[in-house]
Amino acid sequence: MNIAQIVDFATTSSPSEHYRPAAEKILAGDPQQQVCNHYSSPCQQFHAGTWQGEPGLWRVNYSEHEYCEILEGVSVLRDEQGQSKTLRAGDRFVIPAGFVGTWEVLERCRKVYVMFEATR
């Protein structure tokens, strides 16, 4: 292992994947999304990259643990009980595996993500 194997998000060129949540999960808007996965561990349980989402509202069900840092925009994360958290640039947080609720992008949102998916 050497320094050339360090993944620098500022200089790494990763392919972009454009997608939308599954139609049955979309509750409002047209939440187009883009992800650039910059790193995946050899075991495929750990991933890191950037994500961008357009305005819309969709259901989420996390099987992975995800650390997020919002770089720009505004989103609202709501749990099944209706409690919400507004997320803005500079916010850093973890969504534990098992979280179920909705994610709503109010203004185009960009984040850094780091995910860990435990084996079952």
PDB file of N, CA and C in Angstrom:
ATOM      1  N   MET A   1       0.856  -1.174   0.000  1.00  0.00           N
ATOM      2  CA  MET A   1       0.000   0.000   0.000  1.00  0.00           C
ATOM      3  C   MET A   1       0.895   1.228   0.000  1.00  0.00           C
ATOM      4  N   ASN A   2       0.582   2.221  -0.838  1.00  0.00           N
ATOM      5  CA  ASN A   2       1.375   3.441  -0.864  1.00  0.00           C
ATOM      6  C   ASN A   2       0.474   4.661  -1.041  1.00  0.00           C
ATOM      7  N   ILE A   3       1.066   5.833  -1.020  1.00  0.00           N
ATOM      8  CA  ILE A   3       0.326   7.096  -1.057  1.00  0.00           C
ATOM      9  C   ILE A   3      -0.512   7.240  -2.329  1.00  0.00           C
ATOM     10  N   ALA A   4      -0.112   6.619  -3.399  1.00  0.00           N
ATOM     11  CA  ALA A   4      -0.867   6.709  -4.656  1.00  0.00           C
ATOM     12  C   ALA A   4      -2.249   6.057  -4.536  1.00  0.00           C
ATOM     13  N   GLN A   5      -2.446   5.252  -3.528  1.00  0.00           N
ATOM     14  CA  GLN A   5      -3.737   4.574  -3.358  1.00  0.00           C
ATOM     15  C   GLN A   5      -4.712   5.360  -2.480  1.00  0.00           C
ATOM     16  N   ILE A   6      -4.290   6.526  -1.980  1.00  0.00           N
ATOM     17  CA  ILE A   6      -5.180   7.398  -1.218  1.00  0.00           C
ATOM     18  C   ILE A   6      -6.215   7.973  -2.186  1.00  0.00           C
ATOM     19  N   VAL A   7      -7.479   7.958  -1.800  1.00  0.00           N
ATOM     20  CA  VAL A   7      -8.565   8.455  -2.654  1.00  0.00           C
ATOM     21  C   VAL A   7      -8.878   9.886  -2.242  1.00  0.00           C
ATOM     22  N   ASP A   8      -8.513  10.831  -3.105  1.00  0.00           N
ATOM     23  CA  ASP A   8      -8.753  12.255  -2.873  1.00  0.00           C
ATOM     24  C   ASP A   8      -9.991  12.658  -3.666  1.00  0.00           C
ATOM     25  N   PHE A   9     -11.082  12.987  -2.976  1.00  0.00           N
ATOM     26  CA  PHE A   9     -12.335  13.321  -3.654  1.00  0.00           C
ATOM     27  C   PHE A   9     -12.170  14.502  -4.611  1.00  0.00           C
ATOM     28  N   ALA A  10     -11.240  15.417  -4.323  1.00  0.00           N
ATOM     29  CA  ALA A  10     -11.049  16.600  -5.157  1.00  0.00           C
ATOM     30  C   ALA A  10     -10.427  16.268  -6.504  1.00  0.00           C
ATOM     31  N   THR A  11      -9.688  15.170  -6.561  1.00  0.00           N
ATOM     32  CA  THR A  11      -8.992  14.857  -7.813  1.00  0.00           C
ATOM     33  C   THR A  11      -9.421  13.531  -8.438  1.00  0.00           C
ATOM     34  N   THR A  12     -10.205  12.754  -7.721  1.00  0.00           N
ATOM     35  CA  THR A  12     -10.643  11.461  -8.230  1.00  0.00           C
ATOM     36  C   THR A  12     -11.730  11.652  -9.274  1.00  0.00           C
ATOM     37  N   SER A  13     -11.579  10.988 -10.383  1.00  0.00           N
ATOM     38  CA  SER A  13     -12.587  11.045 -11.444  1.00  0.00           C
ATOM     39  C   SER A  13     -13.345   9.719 -11.439  1.00  0.00           C
ATOM     40  N   SER A  14     -14.562   9.765 -10.896  1.00  0.00           N
ATOM     41  CA  SER A  14     -15.396   8.563 -10.827  1.00  0.00           C
ATOM     42  C   SER A  14     -16.592   8.749 -11.742  1.00  0.00           C
ATOM     43  N   PRO A  15     -17.062   7.679 -12.355  1.00  0.00           N
ATOM     44  CA  PRO A  15     -18.244   7.819 -13.217  1.00  0.00           C
ATOM     45  C   PRO A  15     -19.476   8.195 -12.394  1.00  0.00           C
ATOM     46  N   SER A  16     -20.341   9.001 -12.999  1.00  0.00           N
ATOM     47  CA  SER A  16     -21.603   9.406 -12.363  1.00  0.00           C
ATOM     48  C   SER A  16     -22.698   8.441 -12.758  1.00  0.00           C
ATOM     49  N   GLU A  17     -23.505   8.069 -11.784  1.00  0.00           N
ATOM     50  CA  GLU A  17     -24.691   7.260 -12.047  1.00  0.00           C
ATOM     51  C   GLU A  17     -25.906   8.161 -11.819  1.00  0.00           C
ATOM     52  N   HIS A  18     -26.749   8.305 -12.835  1.00  0.00           N
ATOM     53  CA  HIS A  18     -27.963   9.108 -12.740  1.00  0.00           C
ATOM     54  C   HIS A  18     -29.148   8.159 -12.575  1.00  0.00           C
ATOM     55  N   TYR A  19     -30.048   8.493 -11.656  1.00  0.00           N
ATOM     56  CA  TYR A  19     -31.181   7.598 -11.383  1.00  0.00           C
ATOM     57  C   TYR A  19     -32.275   8.368 -10.655  1.00  0.00           C
ATOM     58  N   ARG A  20     -33.394   7.716 -10.446  1.00  0.00           N
ATOM     59  CA  ARG A  20     -34.486   8.189  -9.599  1.00  0.00           C
ATOM     60  C   ARG A  20     -34.820   7.062  -8.630  1.00  0.00           C
ATOM     61  N   PRO A  21     -35.400   7.393  -7.473  1.00  0.00           N
ATOM     62  CA  PRO A  21     -35.883   6.314  -6.608  1.00  0.00           C
ATOM     63  C   PRO A  21     -36.934   5.496  -7.364  1.00  0.00           C
ATOM     64  N   ALA A  22     -37.168   4.286  -6.930  1.00  0.00           N
ATOM     65  CA  ALA A  22     -38.209   3.450  -7.544  1.00  0.00           C
ATOM     66  C   ALA A  22     -39.537   4.216  -7.519  1.00  0.00           C
ATOM     67  N   ALA A  23     -40.313   4.088  -8.563  1.00  0.00           N
ATOM     68  CA  ALA A  23     -41.563   4.845  -8.721  1.00  0.00           C
ATOM     69  C   ALA A  23     -42.476   4.717  -7.510  1.00  0.00           C
ATOM     70  N   GLU A  24     -42.536   3.534  -6.906  1.00  0.00           N
ATOM     71  CA  GLU A  24     -43.438   3.342  -5.760  1.00  0.00           C
ATOM     72  C   GLU A  24     -42.955   4.068  -4.501  1.00  0.00           C
ATOM     73  N   LYS A  25     -41.703   4.542  -4.494  1.00  0.00           N
ATOM     74  CA  LYS A  25     -41.174   5.279  -3.342  1.00  0.00           C
ATOM     75  C   LYS A  25     -41.352   6.785  -3.474  1.00  0.00           C
ATOM     76  N   ILE A  26     -41.560   7.280  -4.700  1.00  0.00           N
ATOM     77  CA  ILE A  26     -41.672   8.721  -4.930  1.00  0.00           C
ATOM     78  C   ILE A  26     -43.042   9.210  -4.462  1.00  0.00           C
ATOM     79  N   LEU A  27     -43.022  10.234  -3.600  1.00  0.00           N
ATOM     80  CA  LEU A  27     -44.261  10.805  -3.062  1.00  0.00           C
ATOM     81  C   LEU A  27     -44.584  12.166  -3.662  1.00  0.00           C
ATOM     82  N   ALA A  28     -43.561  12.892  -4.153  1.00  0.00           N
ATOM     83  CA  ALA A  28     -43.781  14.211  -4.756  1.00  0.00           C
ATOM     84  C   ALA A  28     -42.563  14.600  -5.580  1.00  0.00           C
ATOM     85  N   GLY A  29     -42.807  15.402  -6.612  1.00  0.00           N
ATOM     86  CA  GLY A  29     -41.722  15.934  -7.432  1.00  0.00           C
ATOM     87  C   GLY A  29     -41.108  14.904  -8.347  1.00  0.00           C
ATOM     88  N   ASP A  30     -39.954  15.265  -8.880  1.00  0.00           N
ATOM     89  CA  ASP A  30     -39.186  14.403  -9.780  1.00  0.00           C
ATOM     90  C   ASP A  30     -37.760  14.350  -9.240  1.00  0.00           C
ATOM     91  N   PRO A  31     -37.549  13.562  -8.182  1.00  0.00           N
ATOM     92  CA  PRO A  31     -36.261  13.586  -7.476  1.00  0.00           C
ATOM     93  C   PRO A  31     -35.131  12.872  -8.223  1.00  0.00           C
ATOM     94  N   GLN A  32     -34.681  13.501  -9.300  1.00  0.00           N
ATOM     95  CA  GLN A  32     -33.537  12.948 -10.024  1.00  0.00           C
ATOM     96  C   GLN A  32     -32.318  13.008  -9.118  1.00  0.00           C
ATOM     97  N   GLN A  33     -31.475  11.987  -9.218  1.00  0.00           N
ATOM     98  CA  GLN A  33     -30.312  11.896  -8.349  1.00  0.00           C
ATOM     99  C   GLN A  33     -29.080  11.487  -9.141  1.00  0.00           C
ATOM    100  N   GLN A  34     -27.948  11.822  -8.565  1.00  0.00           N
ATOM    101  CA  GLN A  34     -26.660  11.484  -9.180  1.00  0.00           C
ATOM    102  C   GLN A  34     -25.710  11.064  -8.074  1.00  0.00           C
ATOM    103  N   VAL A  35     -25.007   9.981  -8.280  1.00  0.00           N
ATOM    104  CA  VAL A  35     -24.034   9.518  -7.304  1.00  0.00           C
ATOM    105  C   VAL A  35     -22.706   9.255  -8.009  1.00  0.00           C
ATOM    106  N   CYS A  36     -21.627   9.647  -7.346  1.00  0.00           N
ATOM    107  CA  CYS A  36     -20.268   9.327  -7.792  1.00  0.00           C
ATOM    108  C   CYS A  36     -19.619   8.572  -6.639  1.00  0.00           C
ATOM    109  N   ASN A  37     -19.544   7.278  -6.762  1.00  0.00           N
ATOM    110  CA  ASN A  37     -18.916   6.465  -5.724  1.00  0.00           C
ATOM    111  C   ASN A  37     -17.412   6.475  -5.970  1.00  0.00           C
ATOM    112  N   HIS A  38     -16.679   7.101  -5.071  1.00  0.00           N
ATOM    113  CA  HIS A  38     -15.231   7.248  -5.237  1.00  0.00           C
ATOM    114  C   HIS A  38     -14.441   6.083  -4.663  1.00  0.00           C
ATOM    115  N   TYR A  39     -15.069   5.325  -3.734  1.00  0.00           N
ATOM    116  CA  TYR A  39     -14.333   4.226  -3.119  1.00  0.00           C
ATOM    117  C   TYR A  39     -15.295   3.150  -2.645  1.00  0.00           C
ATOM    118  N   SER A  40     -14.939   1.911  -2.903  1.00  0.00           N
ATOM    119  CA  SER A  40     -15.616   0.743  -2.323  1.00  0.00           C
ATOM    120  C   SER A  40     -14.538  -0.192  -1.816  1.00  0.00           C
ATOM    121  N   SER A  41     -14.720  -0.687  -0.605  1.00  0.00           N
ATOM    122  CA  SER A  41     -13.744  -1.608  -0.023  1.00  0.00           C
ATOM    123  C   SER A  41     -13.779  -2.940  -0.765  1.00  0.00           C
ATOM    124  N   PRO A  42     -12.711  -3.705  -0.700  1.00  0.00           N
ATOM    125  CA  PRO A  42     -12.693  -5.011  -1.359  1.00  0.00           C
ATOM    126  C   PRO A  42     -13.842  -5.927  -0.930  1.00  0.00           C
ATOM    127  N   CYS A  43     -14.300  -5.804   0.327  1.00  0.00           N
ATOM    128  CA  CYS A  43     -15.399  -6.647   0.811  1.00  0.00           C
ATOM    129  C   CYS A  43     -16.773  -6.121   0.388  1.00  0.00           C
ATOM    130  N   GLN A  44     -16.799  -4.941  -0.247  1.00  0.00           N
ATOM    131  CA  GLN A  44     -18.033  -4.317  -0.730  1.00  0.00           C
ATOM    132  C   GLN A  44     -19.022  -3.938   0.380  1.00  0.00           C
ATOM    133  N   GLN A  45     -18.531  -3.730   1.593  1.00  0.00           N
ATOM    134  CA  GLN A  45     -19.380  -3.322   2.710  1.00  0.00           C
ATOM    135  C   GLN A  45     -19.219  -1.842   3.046  1.00  0.00           C
ATOM    136  N   PHE A  46     -18.163  -1.213   2.546  1.00  0.00           N
ATOM    137  CA  PHE A  46     -17.842   0.172   2.875  1.00  0.00           C
ATOM    138  C   PHE A  46     -17.727   0.956   1.576  1.00  0.00           C
ATOM    139  N   HIS A  47     -18.432   2.101   1.501  1.00  0.00           N
ATOM    140  CA  HIS A  47     -18.445   2.920   0.283  1.00  0.00           C
ATOM    141  C   HIS A  47     -18.379   4.398   0.664  1.00  0.00           C
ATOM    142  N   ALA A  48     -17.780   5.202  -0.199  1.00  0.00           N
ATOM    143  CA  ALA A  48     -17.701   6.644   0.043  1.00  0.00           C
ATOM    144  C   ALA A  48     -17.733   7.377  -1.289  1.00  0.00           C
ATOM    145  N   GLY A  49     -18.418   8.526  -1.283  1.00  0.00           N
ATOM    146  CA  GLY A  49     -18.501   9.313  -2.506  1.00  0.00           C
ATOM    147  C   GLY A  49     -19.358  10.545  -2.305  1.00  0.00           C
ATOM    148  N   THR A  50     -19.878  11.055  -3.424  1.00  0.00           N
ATOM    149  CA  THR A  50     -20.745  12.227  -3.378  1.00  0.00           C
ATOM    150  C   THR A  50     -22.082  11.894  -4.022  1.00  0.00           C
ATOM    151  N   TRP A  51     -23.121  12.573  -3.539  1.00  0.00           N
ATOM    152  CA  TRP A  51     -24.490  12.382  -4.016  1.00  0.00           C
ATOM    153  C   TRP A  51     -25.102  13.749  -4.232  1.00  0.00           C
ATOM    154  N   GLN A  52     -25.963  13.840  -5.230  1.00  0.00           N
ATOM    155  CA  GLN A  52     -26.708  15.073  -5.485  1.00  0.00           C
ATOM    156  C   GLN A  52     -28.150  14.708  -5.788  1.00  0.00           C
ATOM    157  N   GLY A  53     -29.097  15.469  -5.248  1.00  0.00           N
ATOM    158  CA  GLY A  53     -30.508  15.217  -5.483  1.00  0.00           C
ATOM    159  C   GLY A  53     -31.249  16.487  -5.836  1.00  0.00           C
ATOM    160  N   GLU A  54     -32.227  16.349  -6.727  1.00  0.00           N
ATOM    161  CA  GLU A  54     -33.093  17.451  -7.137  1.00  0.00           C
ATOM    162  C   GLU A  54     -34.346  17.444  -6.261  1.00  0.00           C
ATOM    163  N   PRO A  55     -35.086  18.545  -6.227  1.00  0.00           N
ATOM    164  CA  PRO A  55     -36.280  18.627  -5.385  1.00  0.00           C
ATOM    165  C   PRO A  55     -37.265  17.480  -5.618  1.00  0.00           C
ATOM    166  N   GLY A  56     -37.773  16.971  -4.504  1.00  0.00           N
ATOM    167  CA  GLY A  56     -38.732  15.880  -4.516  1.00  0.00           C
ATOM    168  C   GLY A  56     -38.780  15.232  -3.148  1.00  0.00           C
ATOM    169  N   LEU A  57     -39.700  14.294  -3.002  1.00  0.00           N
ATOM    170  CA  LEU A  57     -39.927  13.608  -1.735  1.00  0.00           C
ATOM    171  C   LEU A  57     -40.074  12.120  -2.017  1.00  0.00           C
ATOM    172  N   TRP A  58     -39.358  11.280  -1.264  1.00  0.00           N
ATOM    173  CA  TRP A  58     -39.443   9.839  -1.462  1.00  0.00           C
ATOM    174  C   TRP A  58     -39.229   9.100  -0.142  1.00  0.00           C
ATOM    175  N   ARG A  59     -39.700   7.869  -0.120  1.00  0.00           N
ATOM    176  CA  ARG A  59     -39.534   7.008   1.056  1.00  0.00           C
ATOM    177  C   ARG A  59     -38.110   6.454   1.101  1.00  0.00           C
ATOM    178  N   VAL A  60     -37.589   6.318   2.328  1.00  0.00           N
ATOM    179  CA  VAL A  60     -36.271   5.717   2.526  1.00  0.00           C
ATOM    180  C   VAL A  60     -36.367   4.623   3.578  1.00  0.00           C
ATOM    181  N   ASN A  61     -35.518   3.634   3.431  1.00  0.00           N
ATOM    182  CA  ASN A  61     -35.433   2.509   4.368  1.00  0.00           C
ATOM    183  C   ASN A  61     -33.970   2.084   4.380  1.00  0.00           C
ATOM    184  N   TYR A  62     -33.232   2.513   5.388  1.00  0.00           N
ATOM    185  CA  TYR A  62     -31.786   2.309   5.422  1.00  0.00           C
ATOM    186  C   TYR A  62     -31.408   0.931   5.958  1.00  0.00           C
ATOM    187  N   SER A  63     -30.732   0.136   5.146  1.00  0.00           N
ATOM    188  CA  SER A  63     -30.148  -1.120   5.602  1.00  0.00           C
ATOM    189  C   SER A  63     -28.679  -0.908   5.960  1.00  0.00           C
ATOM    190  N   GLU A  64     -28.129   0.241   5.551  1.00  0.00           N
ATOM    191  CA  GLU A  64     -26.738   0.593   5.805  1.00  0.00           C
ATOM    192  C   GLU A  64     -26.660   1.703   6.855  1.00  0.00           C
ATOM    193  N   HIS A  65     -25.505   1.841   7.482  1.00  0.00           N
ATOM    194  CA  HIS A  65     -25.196   2.974   8.355  1.00  0.00           C
ATOM    195  C   HIS A  65     -24.567   4.016   7.426  1.00  0.00           C
ATOM    196  N   GLU A  66     -25.036   5.267   7.489  1.00  0.00           N
ATOM    197  CA  GLU A  66     -24.509   6.277   6.570  1.00  0.00           C
ATOM    198  C   GLU A  66     -24.139   7.557   7.301  1.00  0.00           C
ATOM    199  N   TYR A  67     -22.887   7.976   7.133  1.00  0.00           N
ATOM    200  CA  TYR A  67     -22.432   9.293   7.573  1.00  0.00           C
ATOM    201  C   TYR A  67     -22.634  10.234   6.394  1.00  0.00           C
ATOM    202  N   CYS A  68     -23.182  11.414   6.656  1.00  0.00           N
ATOM    203  CA  CYS A  68     -23.417  12.412   5.609  1.00  0.00           C
ATOM    204  C   CYS A  68     -22.850  13.755   6.036  1.00  0.00           C
ATOM    205  N   GLU A  69     -22.352  14.494   5.063  1.00  0.00           N
ATOM    206  CA  GLU A  69     -21.993  15.898   5.262  1.00  0.00           C
ATOM    207  C   GLU A  69     -22.618  16.674   4.116  1.00  0.00           C
ATOM    208  N   ILE A  70     -23.556  17.561   4.448  1.00  0.00           N
ATOM    209  CA  ILE A  70     -24.248  18.340   3.427  1.00  0.00           C
ATOM    210  C   ILE A  70     -23.310  19.441   2.939  1.00  0.00           C
ATOM    211  N   LEU A  71     -23.089  19.489   1.635  1.00  0.00           N
ATOM    212  CA  LEU A  71     -22.206  20.490   1.029  1.00  0.00           C
ATOM    213  C   LEU A  71     -22.975  21.704   0.545  1.00  0.00           C
ATOM    214  N   GLU A  72     -24.200  21.476   0.051  1.00  0.00           N
ATOM    215  CA  GLU A  72     -25.037  22.583  -0.412  1.00  0.00           C
ATOM    216  C   GLU A  72     -26.490  22.139  -0.453  1.00  0.00           C
ATOM    217  N   GLY A  73     -27.387  23.126  -0.417  1.00  0.00           N
ATOM    218  CA  GLY A  73     -28.811  22.852  -0.531  1.00  0.00           C
ATOM    219  C   GLY A  73     -29.491  22.625   0.807  1.00  0.00           C
ATOM    220  N   VAL A  74     -30.784  22.250   0.698  1.00  0.00           N
ATOM    221  CA  VAL A  74     -31.602  22.023   1.893  1.00  0.00           C
ATOM    222  C   VAL A  74     -32.445  20.777   1.678  1.00  0.00           C
ATOM    223  N   SER A  75     -32.437  19.891   2.663  1.00  0.00           N
ATOM    224  CA  SER A  75     -33.271  18.686   2.655  1.00  0.00           C
ATOM    225  C   SER A  75     -33.947  18.555   4.008  1.00  0.00           C
ATOM    226  N   VAL A  76     -35.009  17.754   4.054  1.00  0.00           N
ATOM    227  CA  VAL A  76     -35.688  17.442   5.308  1.00  0.00           C
ATOM    228  C   VAL A  76     -35.785  15.927   5.407  1.00  0.00           C
ATOM    229  N   LEU A  77     -35.314  15.387   6.525  1.00  0.00           N
ATOM    230  CA  LEU A  77     -35.400  13.967   6.814  1.00  0.00           C
ATOM    231  C   LEU A  77     -36.504  13.791   7.854  1.00  0.00           C
ATOM    232  N   ARG A  78     -37.466  12.897   7.577  1.00  0.00           N
ATOM    233  CA  ARG A  78     -38.581  12.659   8.507  1.00  0.00           C
ATOM    234  C   ARG A  78     -38.627  11.181   8.875  1.00  0.00           C
ATOM    235  N   ASP A  79     -38.937  10.929  10.149  1.00  0.00           N
ATOM    236  CA  ASP A  79     -39.093   9.543  10.578  1.00  0.00           C
ATOM    237  C   ASP A  79     -40.552   9.120  10.452  1.00  0.00           C
ATOM    238  N   GLU A  80     -40.834   7.864  10.753  1.00  0.00           N
ATOM    239  CA  GLU A  80     -42.193   7.332  10.614  1.00  0.00           C
ATOM    240  C   GLU A  80     -43.182   7.978  11.575  1.00  0.00           C
ATOM    241  N   GLN A  81     -42.686   8.591  12.646  1.00  0.00           N
ATOM    242  CA  GLN A  81     -43.553   9.249  13.617  1.00  0.00           C
ATOM    243  C   GLN A  81     -43.855  10.699  13.226  1.00  0.00           C
ATOM    244  N   GLY A  82     -43.259  11.162  12.119  1.00  0.00           N
ATOM    245  CA  GLY A  82     -43.506  12.523  11.652  1.00  0.00           C
ATOM    246  C   GLY A  82     -42.532  13.559  12.183  1.00  0.00           C
ATOM    247  N   GLN A  83     -41.569  13.151  13.007  1.00  0.00           N
ATOM    248  CA  GLN A  83     -40.558  14.090  13.481  1.00  0.00           C
ATOM    249  C   GLN A  83     -39.590  14.363  12.341  1.00  0.00           C
ATOM    250  N   SER A  84     -39.086  15.607  12.273  1.00  0.00           N
ATOM    251  CA  SER A  84     -38.229  15.960  11.139  1.00  0.00           C
ATOM    252  C   SER A  84     -36.968  16.681  11.584  1.00  0.00           C
ATOM    253  N   LYS A  85     -35.988  16.645  10.687  1.00  0.00           N
ATOM    254  CA  LYS A  85     -34.730  17.355  10.871  1.00  0.00           C
ATOM    255  C   LYS A  85     -34.394  18.015   9.546  1.00  0.00           C
ATOM    256  N   THR A  86     -34.223  19.336   9.562  1.00  0.00           N
ATOM    257  CA  THR A  86     -33.832  20.063   8.360  1.00  0.00           C
ATOM    258  C   THR A  86     -32.314  20.025   8.257  1.00  0.00           C
ATOM    259  N   LEU A  87     -31.828  19.699   7.066  1.00  0.00           N
ATOM    260  CA  LEU A  87     -30.401  19.502   6.808  1.00  0.00           C
ATOM    261  C   LEU A  87     -29.910  20.583   5.851  1.00  0.00           C
ATOM    262  N   ARG A  88     -28.851  21.275   6.246  1.00  0.00           N
ATOM    263  CA  ARG A  88     -28.302  22.372   5.441  1.00  0.00           C
ATOM    264  C   ARG A  88     -26.787  22.219   5.303  1.00  0.00           C
ATOM    265  N   ALA A  89     -26.214  23.006   4.395  1.00  0.00           N
ATOM    266  CA  ALA A  89     -24.767  22.990   4.193  1.00  0.00           C
ATOM    267  C   ALA A  89     -24.035  23.108   5.526  1.00  0.00           C
ATOM    268  N   GLY A  90     -23.062  22.237   5.725  1.00  0.00           N
ATOM    269  CA  GLY A  90     -22.274  22.212   6.948  1.00  0.00           C
ATOM    270  C   GLY A  90     -22.750  21.182   7.960  1.00  0.00           C
ATOM    271  N   ASP A  91     -23.987  20.689   7.812  1.00  0.00           N
ATOM    272  CA  ASP A  91     -24.490  19.680   8.744  1.00  0.00           C
ATOM    273  C   ASP A  91     -23.790  18.352   8.503  1.00  0.00           C
ATOM    274  N   ARG A  92     -23.442  17.677   9.611  1.00  0.00           N
ATOM    275  CA  ARG A  92     -22.799  16.365   9.578  1.00  0.00           C
ATOM    276  C   ARG A  92     -23.579  15.463  10.514  1.00  0.00           C
ATOM    277  N   PHE A  93     -23.904  14.259  10.045  1.00  0.00           N
ATOM    278  CA  PHE A  93     -24.749  13.386  10.853  1.00  0.00           C
ATOM    279  C   PHE A  93     -24.624  11.945  10.374  1.00  0.00           C
ATOM    280  N   VAL A  94     -25.126  11.022  11.190  1.00  0.00           N
ATOM    281  CA  VAL A  94     -25.166   9.604  10.843  1.00  0.00           C
ATOM    282  C   VAL A  94     -26.614   9.151  10.846  1.00  0.00           C
ATOM    283  N   ILE A  95     -27.002   8.427   9.815  1.00  0.00           N
ATOM    284  CA  ILE A  95     -28.302   7.764   9.750  1.00  0.00           C
ATOM    285  C   ILE A  95     -28.032   6.292  10.037  1.00  0.00           C
ATOM    286  N   PRO A  96     -28.488   5.786  11.181  1.00  0.00           N
ATOM    287  CA  PRO A  96     -28.232   4.386  11.520  1.00  0.00           C
ATOM    288  C   PRO A  96     -29.045   3.428  10.643  1.00  0.00           C
ATOM    289  N   ALA A  97     -28.500   2.251  10.425  1.00  0.00           N
ATOM    290  CA  ALA A  97     -29.237   1.199   9.726  1.00  0.00           C
ATOM    291  C   ALA A  97     -30.544   0.969  10.478  1.00  0.00           C
ATOM    292  N   GLY A  98     -31.621   0.761   9.726  1.00  0.00           N
ATOM    293  CA  GLY A  98     -32.931   0.543  10.320  1.00  0.00           C
ATOM    294  C   GLY A  98     -33.817   1.766  10.274  1.00  0.00           C
ATOM    295  N   PHE A  99     -33.248   2.942   9.927  1.00  0.00           N
ATOM    296  CA  PHE A  99     -34.076   4.152   9.840  1.00  0.00           C
ATOM    297  C   PHE A  99     -35.049   4.021   8.674  1.00  0.00           C
ATOM    298  N   VAL A 100     -36.324   4.334   8.947  1.00  0.00           N
ATOM    299  CA  VAL A 100     -37.379   4.308   7.932  1.00  0.00           C
ATOM    300  C   VAL A 100     -38.097   5.646   7.997  1.00  0.00           C
ATOM    301  N   GLY A 101     -38.325   6.257   6.859  1.00  0.00           N
ATOM    302  CA  GLY A 101     -39.023   7.541   6.815  1.00  0.00           C
ATOM    303  C   GLY A 101     -39.034   8.105   5.414  1.00  0.00           C
ATOM    304  N   THR A 102     -38.831   9.420   5.316  1.00  0.00           N
ATOM    305  CA  THR A 102     -38.779  10.073   4.008  1.00  0.00           C
ATOM    306  C   THR A 102     -37.596  11.027   3.953  1.00  0.00           C
ATOM    307  N   TRP A 103     -37.128  11.254   2.736  1.00  0.00           N
ATOM    308  CA  TRP A 103     -36.104  12.267   2.463  1.00  0.00           C
ATOM    309  C   TRP A 103     -36.748  13.219   1.471  1.00  0.00           C
ATOM    310  N   GLU A 104     -36.699  14.519   1.794  1.00  0.00           N
ATOM    311  CA  GLU A 104     -37.245  15.530   0.899  1.00  0.00           C
ATOM    312  C   GLU A 104     -36.174  16.555   0.584  1.00  0.00           C
ATOM    313  N   VAL A 105     -35.906  16.762  -0.695  1.00  0.00           N
ATOM    314  CA  VAL A 105     -34.986  17.807  -1.132  1.00  0.00           C
ATOM    315  C   VAL A 105     -35.825  19.042  -1.432  1.00  0.00           C
ATOM    316  N   LEU A 106     -35.544  20.136  -0.715  1.00  0.00           N
ATOM    317  CA  LEU A 106     -36.238  21.403  -0.949  1.00  0.00           C
ATOM    318  C   LEU A 106     -35.488  22.257  -1.955  1.00  0.00           C
ATOM    319  N   GLU A 107     -34.159  22.265  -1.848  1.00  0.00           N
ATOM    320  CA  GLU A 107     -33.266  22.951  -2.787  1.00  0.00           C
ATOM    321  C   GLU A 107     -32.184  21.959  -3.173  1.00  0.00           C
ATOM    322  N   ARG A 108     -31.830  21.910  -4.459  1.00  0.00           N
ATOM    323  CA  ARG A 108     -30.818  20.931  -4.902  1.00  0.00           C
ATOM    324  C   ARG A 108     -29.797  20.711  -3.791  1.00  0.00           C
ATOM    325  N   CYS A 109     -29.588  19.454  -3.464  1.00  0.00           N
ATOM    326  CA  CYS A 109     -28.753  19.085  -2.323  1.00  0.00           C
ATOM    327  C   CYS A 109     -27.570  18.259  -2.808  1.00  0.00           C
ATOM    328  N   ARG A 110     -26.392  18.568  -2.251  1.00  0.00           N
ATOM    329  CA  ARG A 110     -25.190  17.778  -2.508  1.00  0.00           C
ATOM    330  C   ARG A 110     -24.602  17.374  -1.179  1.00  0.00           C
ATOM    331  N   LYS A 111     -24.148  16.120  -1.089  1.00  0.00           N
ATOM    332  CA  LYS A 111     -23.551  15.636   0.154  1.00  0.00           C
ATOM    333  C   LYS A 111     -22.395  14.697  -0.143  1.00  0.00           C
ATOM    334  N   VAL A 112     -21.526  14.579   0.849  1.00  0.00           N
ATOM    335  CA  VAL A 112     -20.523  13.518   0.897  1.00  0.00           C
ATOM    336  C   VAL A 112     -21.161  12.414   1.731  1.00  0.00           C
ATOM    337  N   TYR A 113     -21.018  11.179   1.286  1.00  0.00           N
ATOM    338  CA  TYR A 113     -21.535  10.056   2.067  1.00  0.00           C
ATOM    339  C   TYR A 113     -20.430   9.046   2.327  1.00  0.00           C
ATOM    340  N   VAL A 114     -20.562   8.369   3.459  1.00  0.00           N
ATOM    341  CA  VAL A 114     -19.705   7.243   3.813  1.00  0.00           C
ATOM    342  C   VAL A 114     -20.657   6.203   4.378  1.00  0.00           C
ATOM    343  N   MET A 115     -20.738   5.037   3.729  1.00  0.00           N
ATOM    344  CA  MET A 115     -21.700   4.010   4.113  1.00  0.00           C
ATOM    345  C   MET A 115     -21.008   2.715   4.518  1.00  0.00           C
ATOM    346  N   PHE A 116     -21.596   2.086   5.515  1.00  0.00           N
ATOM    347  CA  PHE A 116     -21.154   0.755   5.914  1.00  0.00           C
ATOM    348  C   PHE A 116     -22.383  -0.141   5.973  1.00  0.00           C
ATOM    349  N   GLU A 117     -22.331  -1.262   5.267  1.00  0.00           N
ATOM    350  CA  GLU A 117     -23.429  -2.233   5.246  1.00  0.00           C
ATOM    351  C   GLU A 117     -22.922  -3.517   5.905  1.00  0.00           C
ATOM    352  N   ALA A 118     -23.459  -3.825   7.085  1.00  0.00           N
ATOM    353  CA  ALA A 118     -23.049  -5.029   7.795  1.00  0.00           C
ATOM    354  C   ALA A 118     -23.536  -6.276   7.057  1.00  0.00           C
ATOM    355  N   THR A 119     -22.777  -7.333   7.154  1.00  0.00           N
ATOM    356  CA  THR A 119     -23.229  -8.587   6.553  1.00  0.00           C
ATOM    357  C   THR A 119     -24.285  -9.191   7.468  1.00  0.00           C
ATOM    358  N   ARG A 120     -25.197  -9.888   6.886  1.00  0.00           N
ATOM    359  CA  ARG A 120     -26.300 -10.459   7.676  1.00  0.00           C
ATOM    360  C   ARG A 120     -25.961 -11.840   8.136  1.00  0.00           C
TER     361      ARG A 120
END
